Amino acid sequence: MTRLARRTSLLVALSLLATAATGCAKCAWVLWGRHSDRSWEPITTFRTQKECKDDLEVARQHLIGTGLVCLPDTVDPREPRAK
């Protein structure tokens, strides 16, 4: 039951983060969310780093403590890092 409640909270938080910027072709920052299976998923996009970090802080204050990160759109945490 705890897992279901946590997942529901995550979905609610992510829904709150969805903005008109989602899917923007010129966006430069992506808010990524990490699932319990350690996979990453893009949540929403932003034009500026400040907008991304502001929404990240809102999510952390309301529902989620960890598992979110703002990265430039050129960085994909799903891809292996070069050695």
N, C-alpha and C. Protein backbone atom coordinates (compact mmCIF):
# COMPACT_ATOMS: atom_id res chain seq x y z
N MET A 1 0.82 -1.19 0.00
CA MET A 1 0.00 0.00 0.00
C MET A 1 0.86 1.26 0.00
N THR A 2 1.99 1.22 0.72
CA THR A 2 2.89 2.37 0.76
C THR A 2 3.43 2.68 -0.63
N ARG A 3 3.76 1.65 -1.36
CA ARG A 3 4.29 1.83 -2.71
C ARG A 3 3.25 2.50 -3.60
N LEU A 4 1.99 2.09 -3.47
CA LEU A 4 0.90 2.68 -4.26
C LEU A 4 0.71 4.14 -3.88
N ALA A 5 0.76 4.45 -2.60
CA ALA A 5 0.61 5.84 -2.15
C ALA A 5 1.76 6.70 -2.65
N ARG A 6 2.97 6.16 -2.61
CA ARG A 6 4.14 6.91 -3.08
C ARG A 6 4.03 7.18 -4.58
N ARG A 7 3.61 6.15 -5.33
CA ARG A 7 3.47 6.30 -6.77
C ARG A 7 2.38 7.32 -7.10
N THR A 8 1.27 7.27 -6.35
CA THR A 8 0.19 8.23 -6.56
C THR A 8 0.67 9.65 -6.28
N SER A 9 1.43 9.81 -5.19
CA SER A 9 1.98 11.13 -4.87
C SER A 9 2.89 11.64 -5.97
N LEU A 10 3.70 10.74 -6.51
CA LEU A 10 4.61 11.12 -7.59
C LEU A 10 3.81 11.57 -8.82
N LEU A 11 2.79 10.83 -9.15
CA LEU A 11 1.97 11.19 -10.32
C LEU A 11 1.28 12.54 -10.12
N VAL A 12 0.79 12.79 -8.92
CA VAL A 12 0.15 14.08 -8.63
C VAL A 12 1.16 15.20 -8.76
N ALA A 13 2.34 15.02 -8.20
CA ALA A 13 3.38 16.05 -8.27
C ALA A 13 3.78 16.31 -9.71
N LEU A 14 3.94 15.27 -10.47
CA LEU A 14 4.36 15.43 -11.86
C LEU A 14 3.26 16.10 -12.68
N SER A 15 2.03 15.81 -12.35
CA SER A 15 0.92 16.47 -13.05
C SER A 15 0.93 17.97 -12.77
N LEU A 16 1.26 18.32 -11.53
CA LEU A 16 1.33 19.74 -11.18
C LEU A 16 2.45 20.46 -11.91
N LEU A 17 3.49 19.71 -12.23
CA LEU A 17 4.65 20.30 -12.90
C LEU A 17 4.44 20.49 -14.40
N ALA A 18 3.49 19.79 -14.95
CA ALA A 18 3.25 19.91 -16.40
C ALA A 18 2.82 21.33 -16.70
N THR A 19 3.51 21.94 -17.67
CA THR A 19 3.21 23.32 -18.02
C THR A 19 3.06 23.44 -19.52
N ALA A 20 2.73 24.64 -19.96
CA ALA A 20 2.59 24.88 -21.39
C ALA A 20 3.92 24.71 -22.12
N ALA A 21 5.02 24.72 -21.40
CA ALA A 21 6.34 24.57 -22.02
C ALA A 21 6.61 23.14 -22.46
N THR A 22 5.83 22.20 -22.00
CA THR A 22 6.06 20.80 -22.35
C THR A 22 6.02 20.62 -23.86
N GLY A 23 7.05 19.97 -24.38
CA GLY A 23 7.10 19.70 -25.81
C GLY A 23 7.63 20.84 -26.65
N CYS A 24 8.10 21.88 -26.01
CA CYS A 24 8.62 23.04 -26.72
C CYS A 24 9.89 22.68 -27.49
N ALA A 25 9.91 23.03 -28.75
CA ALA A 25 11.05 22.67 -29.60
C ALA A 25 12.32 23.45 -29.24
N LYS A 26 12.18 24.62 -28.62
CA LYS A 26 13.35 25.45 -28.32
C LYS A 26 13.73 25.41 -26.84
N CYS A 27 13.19 24.48 -26.10
CA CYS A 27 13.49 24.41 -24.68
C CYS A 27 14.93 23.96 -24.45
N ALA A 28 15.49 24.47 -23.37
CA ALA A 28 16.89 24.17 -23.12
C ALA A 28 17.12 23.34 -21.86
N TRP A 29 16.08 23.13 -21.01
CA TRP A 29 16.24 22.40 -19.77
C TRP A 29 15.13 21.37 -19.61
N VAL A 30 15.49 20.22 -19.06
CA VAL A 30 14.54 19.13 -18.87
C VAL A 30 14.53 18.73 -17.40
N LEU A 31 13.33 18.58 -16.85
CA LEU A 31 13.18 18.04 -15.50
C LEU A 31 12.99 16.54 -15.65
N TRP A 32 13.93 15.77 -15.10
CA TRP A 32 13.92 14.31 -15.18
C TRP A 32 13.45 13.73 -13.85
N GLY A 33 12.69 12.64 -13.92
CA GLY A 33 12.27 11.93 -12.73
C GLY A 33 12.81 10.51 -12.75
N ARG A 34 13.21 10.03 -11.58
CA ARG A 34 13.77 8.68 -11.48
C ARG A 34 12.75 7.76 -10.82
N HIS A 35 12.47 6.64 -11.47
CA HIS A 35 11.52 5.66 -10.96
C HIS A 35 12.20 4.75 -9.94
N SER A 36 11.40 4.00 -9.23
CA SER A 36 11.94 3.08 -8.23
C SER A 36 12.83 2.00 -8.85
N ASP A 37 12.61 1.71 -10.14
CA ASP A 37 13.46 0.72 -10.82
C ASP A 37 14.74 1.35 -11.36
N ARG A 38 15.02 2.58 -10.96
CA ARG A 38 16.21 3.35 -11.31
C ARG A 38 16.25 3.83 -12.76
N SER A 39 15.15 3.72 -13.47
CA SER A 39 15.09 4.26 -14.83
C SER A 39 14.68 5.74 -14.76
N TRP A 40 15.10 6.49 -15.77
CA TRP A 40 14.82 7.92 -15.83
C TRP A 40 13.75 8.19 -16.87
N GLU A 41 12.95 9.23 -16.63
CA GLU A 41 11.91 9.64 -17.57
C GLU A 41 11.85 11.17 -17.59
N PRO A 42 11.80 11.78 -18.79
CA PRO A 42 11.65 13.23 -18.83
C PRO A 42 10.24 13.59 -18.37
N ILE A 43 10.15 14.59 -17.50
CA ILE A 43 8.86 15.00 -16.94
C ILE A 43 8.30 16.18 -17.72
N THR A 44 9.07 17.23 -17.82
CA THR A 44 8.64 18.43 -18.54
C THR A 44 9.87 19.23 -18.95
N THR A 45 9.67 20.21 -19.81
CA THR A 45 10.78 21.01 -20.34
C THR A 45 10.58 22.48 -20.02
N PHE A 46 11.69 23.21 -20.02
CA PHE A 46 11.68 24.63 -19.68
C PHE A 46 12.62 25.40 -20.59
N ARG A 47 12.37 26.66 -20.73
CA ARG A 47 13.24 27.52 -21.54
C ARG A 47 14.51 27.92 -20.78
N THR A 48 14.40 28.02 -19.45
CA THR A 48 15.55 28.47 -18.67
C THR A 48 15.83 27.51 -17.52
N GLN A 49 17.08 27.54 -17.06
CA GLN A 49 17.46 26.73 -15.91
C GLN A 49 16.69 27.18 -14.66
N LYS A 50 16.49 28.47 -14.52
CA LYS A 50 15.77 28.99 -13.35
C LYS A 50 14.35 28.44 -13.29
N GLU A 51 13.64 28.42 -14.40
CA GLU A 51 12.28 27.87 -14.42
C GLU A 51 12.29 26.41 -13.99
N CYS A 52 13.24 25.65 -14.49
CA CYS A 52 13.34 24.23 -14.15
C CYS A 52 13.62 24.06 -12.65
N LYS A 53 14.58 24.80 -12.14
CA LYS A 53 14.94 24.67 -10.73
C LYS A 53 13.82 25.16 -9.82
N ASP A 54 13.08 26.17 -10.24
CA ASP A 54 11.94 26.64 -9.45
C ASP A 54 10.89 25.54 -9.31
N ASP A 55 10.55 24.88 -10.41
CA ASP A 55 9.58 23.79 -10.35
C ASP A 55 10.12 22.59 -9.57
N LEU A 56 11.41 22.36 -9.69
CA LEU A 56 12.04 21.28 -8.93
C LEU A 56 11.88 21.54 -7.43
N GLU A 57 12.10 22.75 -6.99
CA GLU A 57 11.96 23.10 -5.58
C GLU A 57 10.52 22.96 -5.11
N VAL A 58 9.57 23.36 -5.94
CA VAL A 58 8.15 23.22 -5.59
C VAL A 58 7.82 21.74 -5.39
N ALA A 59 8.27 20.91 -6.29
CA ALA A 59 8.00 19.47 -6.18
C ALA A 59 8.63 18.89 -4.92
N ARG A 60 9.83 19.30 -4.61
CA ARG A 60 10.51 18.78 -3.41
C ARG A 60 9.81 19.24 -2.14
N GLN A 61 9.30 20.45 -2.13
CA GLN A 61 8.62 20.97 -0.94
C GLN A 61 7.26 20.31 -0.72
N HIS A 62 6.59 19.96 -1.79
CA HIS A 62 5.22 19.45 -1.66
C HIS A 62 5.13 17.94 -1.52
N LEU A 63 5.82 17.20 -2.33
CA LEU A 63 5.59 15.76 -2.32
C LEU A 63 6.83 14.90 -2.43
N ILE A 64 7.81 15.37 -3.14
CA ILE A 64 8.92 14.49 -3.49
C ILE A 64 10.21 15.03 -2.88
N GLY A 65 10.95 14.18 -2.19
CA GLY A 65 12.22 14.62 -1.62
C GLY A 65 13.36 14.45 -2.58
N THR A 66 13.43 13.35 -3.28
CA THR A 66 14.55 13.09 -4.19
C THR A 66 14.02 12.45 -5.47
N GLY A 67 14.91 12.18 -6.38
CA GLY A 67 14.51 11.50 -7.61
C GLY A 67 14.19 12.43 -8.75
N LEU A 68 14.43 13.72 -8.58
CA LEU A 68 14.22 14.70 -9.65
C LEU A 68 15.50 15.47 -9.88
N VAL A 69 15.75 15.83 -11.14
CA VAL A 69 16.94 16.60 -11.46
C VAL A 69 16.68 17.42 -12.72
N CYS A 70 17.22 18.64 -12.75
CA CYS A 70 17.17 19.50 -13.94
C CYS A 70 18.48 19.34 -14.69
N LEU A 71 18.37 19.05 -15.98
CA LEU A 71 19.56 18.90 -16.82
C LEU A 71 19.37 19.63 -18.13
N PRO A 72 20.45 20.08 -18.75
CA PRO A 72 20.34 20.69 -20.08
C PRO A 72 19.76 19.65 -21.05
N ASP A 73 19.08 20.12 -22.08
CA ASP A 73 18.46 19.18 -23.02
C ASP A 73 19.48 18.37 -23.82
N THR A 74 20.75 18.70 -23.69
CA THR A 74 21.80 17.94 -24.37
C THR A 74 22.28 16.75 -23.53
N VAL A 75 21.81 16.66 -22.29
CA VAL A 75 22.21 15.59 -21.39
C VAL A 75 21.04 14.65 -21.18
N ASP A 76 21.27 13.35 -21.38
CA ASP A 76 20.24 12.34 -21.21
C ASP A 76 20.74 11.33 -20.18
N PRO A 77 20.16 11.32 -18.97
CA PRO A 77 20.66 10.41 -17.93
C PRO A 77 20.41 8.93 -18.24
N ARG A 78 19.61 8.64 -19.27
CA ARG A 78 19.36 7.25 -19.64
C ARG A 78 20.52 6.65 -20.41
N GLU A 79 21.35 7.50 -21.01
CA GLU A 79 22.47 7.02 -21.82
C GLU A 79 23.69 6.77 -20.94
N PRO A 80 24.46 5.74 -21.24
CA PRO A 80 25.67 5.49 -20.46
C PRO A 80 26.67 6.62 -20.64
N ARG A 81 27.39 6.91 -19.57
CA ARG A 81 28.41 7.96 -19.64
C ARG A 81 29.65 7.45 -20.34
N ALA A 82 30.28 8.32 -21.09
CA ALA A 82 31.53 7.96 -21.78
C ALA A 82 32.63 7.81 -20.75
N LYS A 83 33.56 6.90 -21.02
CA LYS A 83 34.68 6.68 -20.08
C LYS A 83 35.83 7.60 -20.39
